[in-house]
């Protein structure tokens, strides 16, 4: 059994306030979860920024630029979906909606 480390105070409904000891493994697990959370938040932030730039280029009617951004954005979506940062269905839905938006905007100007 791993050695115990100094604990923290935890409230339990049946027995009131109890001092619990935290295992070394739990500290590591918490540290890992914080690292993963930071990585996931960064990836989601990059997705949101890329989406914003893509929408701006469509609104500005820069369709050549929008198509290159769309292909790069689809790649980002697929990578994040494979890492389970976002759900696979969300990635698919977002790609479909963006494709329709670009197509509709390009047909409206033609």
PDB file of N, CA and C in Angstrom:
ATOM      1  N   UNK A   1       0.846  -1.181   0.000  1.00  0.00           N
ATOM      2  CA  UNK A   1       0.000   0.000   0.000  1.00  0.00           C
ATOM      3  C   UNK A   1       0.888   1.239   0.000  1.00  0.00           C
ATOM      4  N   UNK A   2       0.539   2.261  -0.834  1.00  0.00           N
ATOM      5  CA  UNK A   2       1.373   3.464  -0.892  1.00  0.00           C
ATOM      6  C   UNK A   2       1.314   4.240   0.421  1.00  0.00           C
ATOM      7  N   UNK A   3       2.369   4.962   0.734  1.00  0.00           N
ATOM      8  CA  UNK A   3       2.378   5.728   1.986  1.00  0.00           C
ATOM      9  C   UNK A   3       1.341   6.844   1.971  1.00  0.00           C
ATOM     10  N   UNK A   4       0.793   7.133   3.125  1.00  0.00           N
ATOM     11  CA  UNK A   4      -0.209   8.180   3.250  1.00  0.00           C
ATOM     12  C   UNK A   4       0.478   9.514   3.471  1.00  0.00           C
ATOM     13  N   UNK A   5      -0.149  10.568   2.988  1.00  0.00           N
ATOM     14  CA  UNK A   5       0.381  11.922   3.142  1.00  0.00           C
ATOM     15  C   UNK A   5      -0.546  12.707   4.044  1.00  0.00           C
ATOM     16  N   UNK A   6      -0.100  13.840   4.559  1.00  0.00           N
ATOM     17  CA  UNK A   6      -0.977  14.642   5.420  1.00  0.00           C
ATOM     18  C   UNK A   6      -2.302  14.950   4.734  1.00  0.00           C
ATOM     19  N   UNK A   7      -3.366  14.975   5.497  1.00  0.00           N
ATOM     20  CA  UNK A   7      -4.698  15.036   4.913  1.00  0.00           C
ATOM     21  C   UNK A   7      -5.333  16.401   4.900  1.00  0.00           C
ATOM     22  N   UNK A   8      -6.599  16.390   4.510  1.00  0.00           N
ATOM     23  CA  UNK A   8      -7.422  17.587   4.474  1.00  0.00           C
ATOM     24  C   UNK A   8      -8.707  17.296   5.235  1.00  0.00           C
ATOM     25  N   UNK A   9      -9.452  18.336   5.508  1.00  0.00           N
ATOM     26  CA  UNK A   9     -10.708  18.170   6.230  1.00  0.00           C
ATOM     27  C   UNK A   9     -11.838  18.009   5.220  1.00  0.00           C
ATOM     28  N   UNK A  10     -12.660  16.988   5.428  1.00  0.00           N
ATOM     29  CA  UNK A  10     -13.761  16.675   4.527  1.00  0.00           C
ATOM     30  C   UNK A  10     -15.035  16.572   5.347  1.00  0.00           C
ATOM     31  N   UNK A  11     -16.138  17.063   4.799  1.00  0.00           N
ATOM     32  CA  UNK A  11     -17.423  16.938   5.480  1.00  0.00           C
ATOM     33  C   UNK A  11     -18.140  15.717   4.951  1.00  0.00           C
ATOM     34  N   UNK A  12     -18.571  14.863   5.863  1.00  0.00           N
ATOM     35  CA  UNK A  12     -19.370  13.692   5.492  1.00  0.00           C
ATOM     36  C   UNK A  12     -20.729  13.830   6.164  1.00  0.00           C
ATOM     37  N   UNK A  13     -21.805  13.600   5.420  1.00  0.00           N
ATOM     38  CA  UNK A  13     -23.146  13.834   5.956  1.00  0.00           C
ATOM     39  C   UNK A  13     -23.467  13.036   7.218  1.00  0.00           C
ATOM     40  N   UNK A  14     -23.052  11.789   7.299  1.00  0.00           N
ATOM     41  CA  UNK A  14     -23.430  10.960   8.439  1.00  0.00           C
ATOM     42  C   UNK A  14     -22.541  11.186   9.656  1.00  0.00           C
ATOM     43  N   UNK A  15     -21.253  11.407   9.444  1.00  0.00           N
ATOM     44  CA  UNK A  15     -20.344  11.503  10.577  1.00  0.00           C
ATOM     45  C   UNK A  15     -19.805  12.906  10.835  1.00  0.00           C
ATOM     46  N   UNK A  16     -20.250  13.887  10.082  1.00  0.00           N
ATOM     47  CA  UNK A  16     -19.806  15.254  10.306  1.00  0.00           C
ATOM     48  C   UNK A  16     -18.463  15.530   9.658  1.00  0.00           C
ATOM     49  N   UNK A  17     -17.661  16.388  10.303  1.00  0.00           N
ATOM     50  CA  UNK A  17     -16.364  16.774   9.768  1.00  0.00           C
ATOM     51  C   UNK A  17     -15.341  15.703  10.136  1.00  0.00           C
ATOM     52  N   UNK A  18     -14.636  15.224   9.141  1.00  0.00           N
ATOM     53  CA  UNK A  18     -13.661  14.162   9.342  1.00  0.00           C
ATOM     54  C   UNK A  18     -12.375  14.561   8.644  1.00  0.00           C
ATOM     55  N   UNK A  19     -11.251  14.246   9.265  1.00  0.00           N
ATOM     56  CA  UNK A  19      -9.979  14.503   8.610  1.00  0.00           C
ATOM     57  C   UNK A  19      -9.588  13.257   7.830  1.00  0.00           C
ATOM     58  N   UNK A  20      -9.452  13.403   6.506  1.00  0.00           N
ATOM     59  CA  UNK A  20      -9.124  12.287   5.644  1.00  0.00           C
ATOM     60  C   UNK A  20      -7.692  12.420   5.161  1.00  0.00           C
ATOM     61  N   UNK A  21      -7.060  11.301   4.950  1.00  0.00           N
ATOM     62  CA  UNK A  21      -5.725  11.333   4.394  1.00  0.00           C
ATOM     63  C   UNK A  21      -5.811  11.102   2.894  1.00  0.00           C
ATOM     64  N   UNK A  22      -4.971  11.797   2.147  1.00  0.00           N
ATOM     65  CA  UNK A  22      -4.976  11.699   0.705  1.00  0.00           C
ATOM     66  C   UNK A  22      -3.822  10.807   0.280  1.00  0.00           C
ATOM     67  N   UNK A  23      -4.109   9.861  -0.561  1.00  0.00           N
ATOM     68  CA  UNK A  23      -3.064   9.002  -1.073  1.00  0.00           C
ATOM     69  C   UNK A  23      -2.220   9.751  -2.095  1.00  0.00           C
ATOM     70  N   UNK A  24      -0.980   9.349  -2.193  1.00  0.00           N
ATOM     71  CA  UNK A  24      -0.055   9.944  -3.150  1.00  0.00           C
ATOM     72  C   UNK A  24      -0.607   9.790  -4.569  1.00  0.00           C
ATOM     73  N   UNK A  25      -1.270   8.681  -4.831  1.00  0.00           N
ATOM     74  CA  UNK A  25      -1.842   8.406  -6.147  1.00  0.00           C
ATOM     75  C   UNK A  25      -2.929   9.431  -6.486  1.00  0.00           C
ATOM     76  N   UNK A  26      -3.715   9.798  -5.480  1.00  0.00           N
ATOM     77  CA  UNK A  26      -4.789  10.762  -5.720  1.00  0.00           C
ATOM     78  C   UNK A  26      -4.231  12.142  -6.033  1.00  0.00           C
ATOM     79  N   UNK A  27      -3.133  12.510  -5.387  1.00  0.00           N
ATOM     80  CA  UNK A  27      -2.504  13.792  -5.704  1.00  0.00           C
ATOM     81  C   UNK A  27      -2.015  13.806  -7.148  1.00  0.00           C
ATOM     82  N   UNK A  28      -1.423  12.698  -7.573  1.00  0.00           N
ATOM     83  CA  UNK A  28      -0.949  12.600  -8.953  1.00  0.00           C
ATOM     84  C   UNK A  28      -2.123  12.678  -9.923  1.00  0.00           C
ATOM     85  N   UNK A  29      -3.203  11.980  -9.604  1.00  0.00           N
ATOM     86  CA  UNK A  29      -4.386  11.983 -10.459  1.00  0.00           C
ATOM     87  C   UNK A  29      -4.947  13.400 -10.602  1.00  0.00           C
ATOM     88  N   UNK A  30      -4.972  14.131  -9.502  1.00  0.00           N
ATOM     89  CA  UNK A  30      -5.464  15.511  -9.537  1.00  0.00           C
ATOM     90  C   UNK A  30      -4.558  16.382 -10.399  1.00  0.00           C
ATOM     91  N   UNK A  31      -3.254  16.232 -10.239  1.00  0.00           N
ATOM     92  CA  UNK A  31      -2.297  16.994 -11.032  1.00  0.00           C
ATOM     93  C   UNK A  31      -2.479  16.687 -12.525  1.00  0.00           C
ATOM     94  N   UNK A  32      -2.675  15.421 -12.849  1.00  0.00           N
ATOM     95  CA  UNK A  32      -2.891  15.034 -14.238  1.00  0.00           C
ATOM     96  C   UNK A  32      -4.181  15.647 -14.791  1.00  0.00           C
ATOM     97  N   UNK A  33      -5.218  15.657 -13.981  1.00  0.00           N
ATOM     98  CA  UNK A  33      -6.490  16.208 -14.453  1.00  0.00           C
ATOM     99  C   UNK A  33      -6.374  17.705 -14.711  1.00  0.00           C
ATOM    100  N   UNK A  34      -5.599  18.405 -13.878  1.00  0.00           N
ATOM    101  CA  UNK A  34      -5.400  19.838 -14.108  1.00  0.00           C
ATOM    102  C   UNK A  34      -4.618  20.081 -15.398  1.00  0.00           C
ATOM    103  N   UNK A  35      -3.616  19.248 -15.662  1.00  0.00           N
ATOM    104  CA  UNK A  35      -2.844  19.380 -16.900  1.00  0.00           C
ATOM    105  C   UNK A  35      -3.718  19.110 -18.118  1.00  0.00           C
ATOM    106  N   UNK A  36      -4.541  18.069 -18.040  1.00  0.00           N
ATOM    107  CA  UNK A  36      -5.434  17.747 -19.151  1.00  0.00           C
ATOM    108  C   UNK A  36      -6.462  18.845 -19.369  1.00  0.00           C
ATOM    109  N   UNK A  37      -6.965  19.396 -18.276  1.00  0.00           N
ATOM    110  CA  UNK A  37      -7.952  20.469 -18.380  1.00  0.00           C
ATOM    111  C   UNK A  37      -7.361  21.670 -19.097  1.00  0.00           C
ATOM    112  N   UNK A  38      -6.125  22.027 -18.734  1.00  0.00           N
ATOM    113  CA  UNK A  38      -5.466  23.158 -19.387  1.00  0.00           C
ATOM    114  C   UNK A  38      -5.257  22.883 -20.879  1.00  0.00           C
ATOM    115  N   UNK A  39      -4.850  21.663 -21.202  1.00  0.00           N
ATOM    116  CA  UNK A  39      -4.622  21.293 -22.602  1.00  0.00           C
ATOM    117  C   UNK A  39      -5.933  21.331 -23.383  1.00  0.00           C
ATOM    118  N   UNK A  40      -7.006  20.804 -22.789  1.00  0.00           N
ATOM    119  CA  UNK A  40      -8.304  20.780 -23.464  1.00  0.00           C
ATOM    120  C   UNK A  40      -8.859  22.190 -23.659  1.00  0.00           C
ATOM    121  N   UNK A  41      -8.698  23.028 -22.645  1.00  0.00           N
ATOM    122  CA  UNK A  41      -9.188  24.401 -22.762  1.00  0.00           C
ATOM    123  C   UNK A  41      -8.453  25.155 -23.853  1.00  0.00           C
ATOM    124  N   UNK A  42      -7.154  24.932 -23.947  1.00  0.00           N
ATOM    125  CA  UNK A  42      -6.356  25.575 -24.981  1.00  0.00           C
ATOM    126  C   UNK A  42      -6.811  25.132 -26.365  1.00  0.00           C
ATOM    127  N   UNK A  43      -7.047  23.840 -26.526  1.00  0.00           N
ATOM    128  CA  UNK A  43      -7.489  23.308 -27.824  1.00  0.00           C
ATOM    129  C   UNK A  43      -8.857  23.875 -28.204  1.00  0.00           C
ATOM    130  N   UNK A  44      -9.766  23.942 -27.235  1.00  0.00           N
ATOM    131  CA  UNK A  44     -11.094  24.494 -27.521  1.00  0.00           C
ATOM    132  C   UNK A  44     -11.016  25.968 -27.866  1.00  0.00           C
ATOM    133  N   UNK A  45     -10.118  26.687 -27.200  1.00  0.00           N
ATOM    134  CA  UNK A  45      -9.937  28.100 -27.487  1.00  0.00           C
ATOM    135  C   UNK A  45      -9.413  28.302 -28.905  1.00  0.00           C
ATOM    136  N   UNK A  46      -8.472  27.463 -29.325  1.00  0.00           N
ATOM    137  CA  UNK A  46      -7.958  27.549 -30.696  1.00  0.00           C
ATOM    138  C   UNK A  46      -9.054  27.266 -31.710  1.00  0.00           C
ATOM    139  N   UNK A  47      -9.923  26.309 -31.402  1.00  0.00           N
ATOM    140  CA  UNK A  47     -11.050  26.018 -32.298  1.00  0.00           C
ATOM    141  C   UNK A  47     -11.975  27.226 -32.423  1.00  0.00           C
ATOM    142  N   UNK A  48     -12.285  27.851 -31.299  1.00  0.00           N
ATOM    143  CA  UNK A  48     -13.187  29.003 -31.323  1.00  0.00           C
ATOM    144  C   UNK A  48     -12.588  30.158 -32.109  1.00  0.00           C
ATOM    145  N   UNK A  49     -11.279  30.378 -31.957  1.00  0.00           N
ATOM    146  CA  UNK A  49     -10.606  31.449 -32.685  1.00  0.00           C
ATOM    147  C   UNK A  49     -10.622  31.177 -34.183  1.00  0.00           C
ATOM    148  N   UNK A  50     -10.322  29.935 -34.572  1.00  0.00           N
ATOM    149  CA  UNK A  50     -10.329  29.578 -35.991  1.00  0.00           C
ATOM    150  C   UNK A  50     -11.733  29.710 -36.581  1.00  0.00           C
ATOM    151  N   UNK A  51     -12.741  29.323 -35.816  1.00  0.00           N
ATOM    152  CA  UNK A  51     -14.127  29.446 -36.272  1.00  0.00           C
ATOM    153  C   UNK A  51     -14.504  30.913 -36.470  1.00  0.00           C
ATOM    154  N   UNK A  52     -14.088  31.760 -35.548  1.00  0.00           N
ATOM    155  CA  UNK A  52     -14.380  33.189 -35.644  1.00  0.00           C
ATOM    156  C   UNK A  52     -13.729  33.793 -36.896  1.00  0.00           C
ATOM    157  N   UNK A  53     -12.475  33.423 -37.165  1.00  0.00           N
ATOM    158  CA  UNK A  53     -11.789  33.938 -38.351  1.00  0.00           C
ATOM    159  C   UNK A  53     -12.456  33.446 -39.630  1.00  0.00           C
ATOM    160  N   UNK A  54     -12.888  32.201 -39.625  1.00  0.00           N
ATOM    161  CA  UNK A  54     -13.569  31.643 -40.796  1.00  0.00           C
ATOM    162  C   UNK A  54     -14.872  32.380 -41.061  1.00  0.00           C
ATOM    163  N   UNK A  55     -15.641  32.607 -40.029  1.00  0.00           N
ATOM    164  CA  UNK A  55     -16.912  33.332 -40.208  1.00  0.00           C
ATOM    165  C   UNK A  55     -16.682  34.760 -40.680  1.00  0.00           C
ATOM    166  N   UNK A  56     -15.629  35.409 -40.161  1.00  0.00           N
ATOM    167  CA  UNK A  56     -15.324  36.774 -40.594  1.00  0.00           C
ATOM    168  C   UNK A  56     -14.952  36.816 -42.072  1.00  0.00           C
ATOM    169  N   UNK A  57     -14.199  35.826 -42.529  1.00  0.00           N
ATOM    170  CA  UNK A  57     -13.808  35.827 -43.942  1.00  0.00           C
ATOM    171  C   UNK A  57     -15.002  35.540 -44.843  1.00  0.00           C
ATOM    172  N   UNK A  58     -15.971  34.743 -44.373  1.00  0.00           N
ATOM    173  CA  UNK A  58     -17.181  34.499 -45.162  1.00  0.00           C
ATOM    174  C   UNK A  58     -18.023  35.768 -45.226  1.00  0.00           C
ATOM    175  N   UNK A  59     -18.127  36.473 -44.095  1.00  0.00           N
ATOM    176  CA  UNK A  59     -18.913  37.713 -44.079  1.00  0.00           C
ATOM    177  C   UNK A  59     -18.261  38.788 -44.936  1.00  0.00           C
ATOM    178  N   UNK A  60     -16.920  38.765 -45.028  1.00  0.00           N
ATOM    179  CA  UNK A  60     -16.206  39.723 -45.861  1.00  0.00           C
ATOM    180  C   UNK A  60     -16.165  39.287 -47.328  1.00  0.00           C
ATOM    181  N   UNK A  61     -16.771  38.142 -47.624  1.00  0.00           N
ATOM    182  CA  UNK A  61     -16.871  37.589 -48.970  1.00  0.00           C
ATOM    183  C   UNK A  61     -15.510  37.235 -49.564  1.00  0.00           C
ATOM    184  N   UNK A  62     -14.580  36.789 -48.721  1.00  0.00           N
ATOM    185  CA  UNK A  62     -13.292  36.264 -49.179  1.00  0.00           C
ATOM    186  C   UNK A  62     -13.406  34.740 -49.248  1.00  0.00           C
ATOM    187  N   UNK A  63     -13.997  34.242 -50.318  1.00  0.00           N
ATOM    188  CA  UNK A  63     -14.336  32.824 -50.376  1.00  0.00           C
ATOM    189  C   UNK A  63     -13.127  31.930 -50.622  1.00  0.00           C
ATOM    190  N   UNK A  64     -12.115  32.441 -51.336  1.00  0.00           N
ATOM    191  CA  UNK A  64     -10.902  31.635 -51.525  1.00  0.00           C
ATOM    192  C   UNK A  64     -10.207  31.419 -50.185  1.00  0.00           C
ATOM    193  N   UNK A  65     -10.112  32.488 -49.430  1.00  0.00           N
ATOM    194  CA  UNK A  65      -9.505  32.404 -48.095  1.00  0.00           C
ATOM    195  C   UNK A  65     -10.369  31.536 -47.172  1.00  0.00           C
ATOM    196  N   UNK A  66     -11.676  31.677 -47.305  1.00  0.00           N
ATOM    197  CA  UNK A  66     -12.588  30.914 -46.458  1.00  0.00           C
ATOM    198  C   UNK A  66     -12.471  29.414 -46.723  1.00  0.00           C
ATOM    199  N   UNK A  67     -12.283  29.029 -47.976  1.00  0.00           N
ATOM    200  CA  UNK A  67     -12.171  27.610 -48.299  1.00  0.00           C
ATOM    201  C   UNK A  67     -10.891  27.008 -47.737  1.00  0.00           C
ATOM    202  N   UNK A  68      -9.794  27.756 -47.796  1.00  0.00           N
ATOM    203  CA  UNK A  68      -8.548  27.239 -47.204  1.00  0.00           C
ATOM    204  C   UNK A  68      -8.663  27.171 -45.687  1.00  0.00           C
ATOM    205  N   UNK A  69      -9.304  28.182 -45.089  1.00  0.00           N
ATOM    206  CA  UNK A  69      -9.519  28.157 -43.640  1.00  0.00           C
ATOM    207  C   UNK A  69     -10.459  27.017 -43.255  1.00  0.00           C
ATOM    208  N   UNK A  70     -11.449  26.753 -44.098  1.00  0.00           N
ATOM    209  CA  UNK A  70     -12.402  25.675 -43.819  1.00  0.00           C
ATOM    210  C   UNK A  70     -11.701  24.318 -43.788  1.00  0.00           C
ATOM    211  N   UNK A  71     -10.823  24.077 -44.753  1.00  0.00           N
ATOM    212  CA  UNK A  71     -10.130  22.784 -44.773  1.00  0.00           C
ATOM    213  C   UNK A  71      -9.209  22.646 -43.560  1.00  0.00           C
ATOM    214  N   UNK A  72      -8.528  23.725 -43.173  1.00  0.00           N
ATOM    215  CA  UNK A  72      -7.675  23.679 -41.978  1.00  0.00           C
ATOM    216  C   UNK A  72      -8.519  23.487 -40.721  1.00  0.00           C
ATOM    217  N   UNK A  73      -9.676  24.137 -40.693  1.00  0.00           N
ATOM    218  CA  UNK A  73     -10.562  24.027 -39.533  1.00  0.00           C
ATOM    219  C   UNK A  73     -11.135  22.613 -39.413  1.00  0.00           C
ATOM    220  N   UNK A  74     -11.470  22.005 -40.547  1.00  0.00           N
ATOM    221  CA  UNK A  74     -11.971  20.625 -40.526  1.00  0.00           C
ATOM    222  C   UNK A  74     -10.912  19.680 -39.981  1.00  0.00           C
ATOM    223  N   UNK A  75      -9.675  19.906 -40.351  1.00  0.00           N
ATOM    224  CA  UNK A  75      -8.583  19.078 -39.844  1.00  0.00           C
ATOM    225  C   UNK A  75      -8.466  19.231 -38.328  1.00  0.00           C
ATOM    226  N   UNK A  76      -8.563  20.483 -37.850  1.00  0.00           N
ATOM    227  CA  UNK A  76      -8.502  20.726 -36.403  1.00  0.00           C
ATOM    228  C   UNK A  76      -9.656  20.032 -35.687  1.00  0.00           C
ATOM    229  N   UNK A  77     -10.853  20.117 -36.269  1.00  0.00           N
ATOM    230  CA  UNK A  77     -12.021  19.473 -35.667  1.00  0.00           C
ATOM    231  C   UNK A  77     -11.832  17.967 -35.562  1.00  0.00           C
ATOM    232  N   UNK A  78     -11.351  17.367 -36.639  1.00  0.00           N
ATOM    233  CA  UNK A  78     -11.161  15.916 -36.642  1.00  0.00           C
ATOM    234  C   UNK A  78     -10.101  15.483 -35.637  1.00  0.00           C
ATOM    235  N   UNK A  79      -9.030  16.261 -35.534  1.00  0.00           N
ATOM    236  CA  UNK A  79      -7.977  15.927 -34.575  1.00  0.00           C
ATOM    237  C   UNK A  79      -8.507  16.009 -33.142  1.00  0.00           C
ATOM    238  N   UNK A  80      -9.256  17.061 -32.845  1.00  0.00           N
ATOM    239  CA  UNK A  80      -9.797  17.215 -31.495  1.00  0.00           C
ATOM    240  C   UNK A  80     -10.869  16.174 -31.200  1.00  0.00           C
ATOM    241  N   UNK A  81     -11.613  15.779 -32.212  1.00  0.00           N
ATOM    242  CA  UNK A  81     -12.621  14.736 -32.013  1.00  0.00           C
ATOM    243  C   UNK A  81     -11.948  13.387 -31.762  1.00  0.00           C
ATOM    244  N   UNK A  82     -10.847  13.124 -32.447  1.00  0.00           N
ATOM    245  CA  UNK A  82     -10.157  11.850 -32.235  1.00  0.00           C
ATOM    246  C   UNK A  82      -9.510  11.789 -30.858  1.00  0.00           C
ATOM    247  N   UNK A  83      -9.129  12.950 -30.313  1.00  0.00           N
ATOM    248  CA  UNK A  83      -8.562  13.005 -28.959  1.00  0.00           C
ATOM    249  C   UNK A  83      -9.654  13.106 -27.890  1.00  0.00           C
ATOM    250  N   UNK A  84     -10.906  13.119 -28.347  1.00  0.00           N
ATOM    251  CA  UNK A  84     -12.075  13.202 -27.469  1.00  0.00           C
ATOM    252  C   UNK A  84     -12.137  14.501 -26.668  1.00  0.00           C
ATOM    253  N   UNK A  85     -11.588  15.570 -27.252  1.00  0.00           N
ATOM    254  CA  UNK A  85     -11.717  16.891 -26.648  1.00  0.00           C
ATOM    255  C   UNK A  85     -13.110  17.429 -26.941  1.00  0.00           C
ATOM    256  N   UNK A  86     -13.586  17.164 -28.159  1.00  0.00           N
ATOM    257  CA  UNK A  86     -14.981  17.445 -28.504  1.00  0.00           C
ATOM    258  C   UNK A  86     -15.594  16.145 -29.011  1.00  0.00           C
ATOM    259  N   UNK A  87     -16.898  16.084 -29.027  1.00  0.00           N
ATOM    260  CA  UNK A  87     -17.587  14.872 -29.473  1.00  0.00           C
ATOM    261  C   UNK A  87     -17.516  14.763 -30.991  1.00  0.00           C
ATOM    262  N   UNK A  88     -17.480  13.548 -31.476  1.00  0.00           N
ATOM    263  CA  UNK A  88     -17.375  13.289 -32.915  1.00  0.00           C
ATOM    264  C   UNK A  88     -18.570  13.876 -33.656  1.00  0.00           C
ATOM    265  N   UNK A  89     -19.745  13.729 -33.076  1.00  0.00           N
ATOM    266  CA  UNK A  89     -20.953  14.254 -33.723  1.00  0.00           C
ATOM    267  C   UNK A  89     -20.941  15.778 -33.784  1.00  0.00           C
ATOM    268  N   UNK A  90     -20.388  16.416 -32.775  1.00  0.00           N
ATOM    269  CA  UNK A  90     -20.297  17.877 -32.792  1.00  0.00           C
ATOM    270  C   UNK A  90     -19.371  18.333 -33.910  1.00  0.00           C
ATOM    271  N   UNK A  91     -18.267  17.620 -34.095  1.00  0.00           N
ATOM    272  CA  UNK A  91     -17.335  17.962 -35.171  1.00  0.00           C
ATOM    273  C   UNK A  91     -18.023  17.822 -36.523  1.00  0.00           C
ATOM    274  N   UNK A  92     -18.741  16.734 -36.710  1.00  0.00           N
ATOM    275  CA  UNK A  92     -19.445  16.486 -37.968  1.00  0.00           C
ATOM    276  C   UNK A  92     -20.515  17.551 -38.213  1.00  0.00           C
ATOM    277  N   UNK A  93     -21.274  17.862 -37.191  1.00  0.00           N
ATOM    278  CA  UNK A  93     -22.341  18.866 -37.306  1.00  0.00           C
ATOM    279  C   UNK A  93     -21.770  20.242 -37.647  1.00  0.00           C
ATOM    280  N   UNK A  94     -20.664  20.602 -37.001  1.00  0.00           N
ATOM    281  CA  UNK A  94     -20.044  21.902 -37.244  1.00  0.00           C
ATOM    282  C   UNK A  94     -19.525  21.996 -38.675  1.00  0.00           C
ATOM    283  N   UNK A  95     -18.883  20.934 -39.157  1.00  0.00           N
ATOM    284  CA  UNK A  95     -18.379  20.926 -40.531  1.00  0.00           C
ATOM    285  C   UNK A  95     -19.522  21.067 -41.529  1.00  0.00           C
ATOM    286  N   UNK A  96     -20.609  20.363 -41.281  1.00  0.00           N
ATOM    287  CA  UNK A  96     -21.752  20.418 -42.180  1.00  0.00           C
ATOM    288  C   UNK A  96     -22.356  21.817 -42.226  1.00  0.00           C
ATOM    289  N   UNK A  97     -22.525  22.417 -41.082  1.00  0.00           N
ATOM    290  CA  UNK A  97     -23.124  23.754 -41.022  1.00  0.00           C
ATOM    291  C   UNK A  97     -22.233  24.803 -41.675  1.00  0.00           C
ATOM    292  N   UNK A  98     -20.922  24.689 -41.454  1.00  0.00           N
ATOM    293  CA  UNK A  98     -20.007  25.657 -42.059  1.00  0.00           C
ATOM    294  C   UNK A  98     -19.967  25.508 -43.573  1.00  0.00           C
ATOM    295  N   UNK A  99     -19.970  24.264 -44.030  1.00  0.00           N
ATOM    296  CA  UNK A  99     -19.974  24.021 -45.470  1.00  0.00           C
ATOM    297  C   UNK A  99     -21.223  24.630 -46.110  1.00  0.00           C
ATOM    298  N   UNK A 100     -22.354  24.434 -45.474  1.00  0.00           N
ATOM    299  CA  UNK A 100     -23.603  25.002 -45.984  1.00  0.00           C
ATOM    300  C   UNK A 100     -23.567  26.524 -45.957  1.00  0.00           C
ATOM    301  N   UNK A 101     -22.974  27.088 -44.907  1.00  0.00           N
ATOM    302  CA  UNK A 101     -22.895  28.545 -44.792  1.00  0.00           C
ATOM    303  C   UNK A 101     -22.033  29.126 -45.906  1.00  0.00           C
ATOM    304  N   UNK A 102     -20.882  28.497 -46.162  1.00  0.00           N
ATOM    305  CA  UNK A 102     -19.985  28.979 -47.222  1.00  0.00           C
ATOM    306  C   UNK A 102     -20.657  28.865 -48.594  1.00  0.00           C
ATOM    307  N   UNK A 103     -21.306  27.741 -48.824  1.00  0.00           N
ATOM    308  CA  UNK A 103     -21.981  27.516 -50.100  1.00  0.00           C
ATOM    309  C   UNK A 103     -23.106  28.521 -50.314  1.00  0.00           C
ATOM    310  N   UNK A 104     -23.895  28.752 -49.284  1.00  0.00           N
ATOM    311  CA  UNK A 104     -25.013  29.696 -49.391  1.00  0.00           C
ATOM    312  C   UNK A 104     -24.518  31.117 -49.653  1.00  0.00           C
ATOM    313  N   UNK A 105     -23.447  31.521 -48.944  1.00  0.00           N
ATOM    314  CA  UNK A 105     -22.924  32.868 -49.109  1.00  0.00           C
ATOM    315  C   UNK A 105     -22.296  33.056 -50.494  1.00  0.00           C
ATOM    316  N   UNK A 106     -21.635  32.010 -50.992  1.00  0.00           N
ATOM    317  CA  UNK A 106     -21.008  32.133 -52.311  1.00  0.00           C
ATOM    318  C   UNK A 106     -22.053  32.159 -53.425  1.00  0.00           C
ATOM    319  N   UNK A 107     -23.151  31.439 -53.252  1.00  0.00           N
ATOM    320  CA  UNK A 107     -24.213  31.468 -54.250  1.00  0.00           C
ATOM    321  C   UNK A 107     -24.980  32.788 -54.223  1.00  0.00           C
ATOM    322  N   UNK A 108     -25.071  33.401 -53.059  1.00  0.00           N
ATOM    323  CA  UNK A 108     -25.803  34.674 -52.944  1.00  0.00           C
ATOM    324  C   UNK A 108     -25.066  35.794 -53.660  1.00  0.00           C
ATOM    325  N   UNK A 109     -23.742  35.745 -53.666  1.00  0.00           N
ATOM    326  CA  UNK A 109     -22.981  36.808 -54.321  1.00  0.00           C
ATOM    327  C   UNK A 109     -22.823  36.560 -55.827  1.00  0.00           C
ATOM    328  N   UNK A 110     -22.970  35.312 -56.254  1.00  0.00           N
ATOM    329  CA  UNK A 110     -22.761  34.996 -57.687  1.00  0.00           C
ATOM    330  C   UNK A 110     -23.940  35.381 -58.534  1.00  0.00           C
TER     331      UNK A 110
END
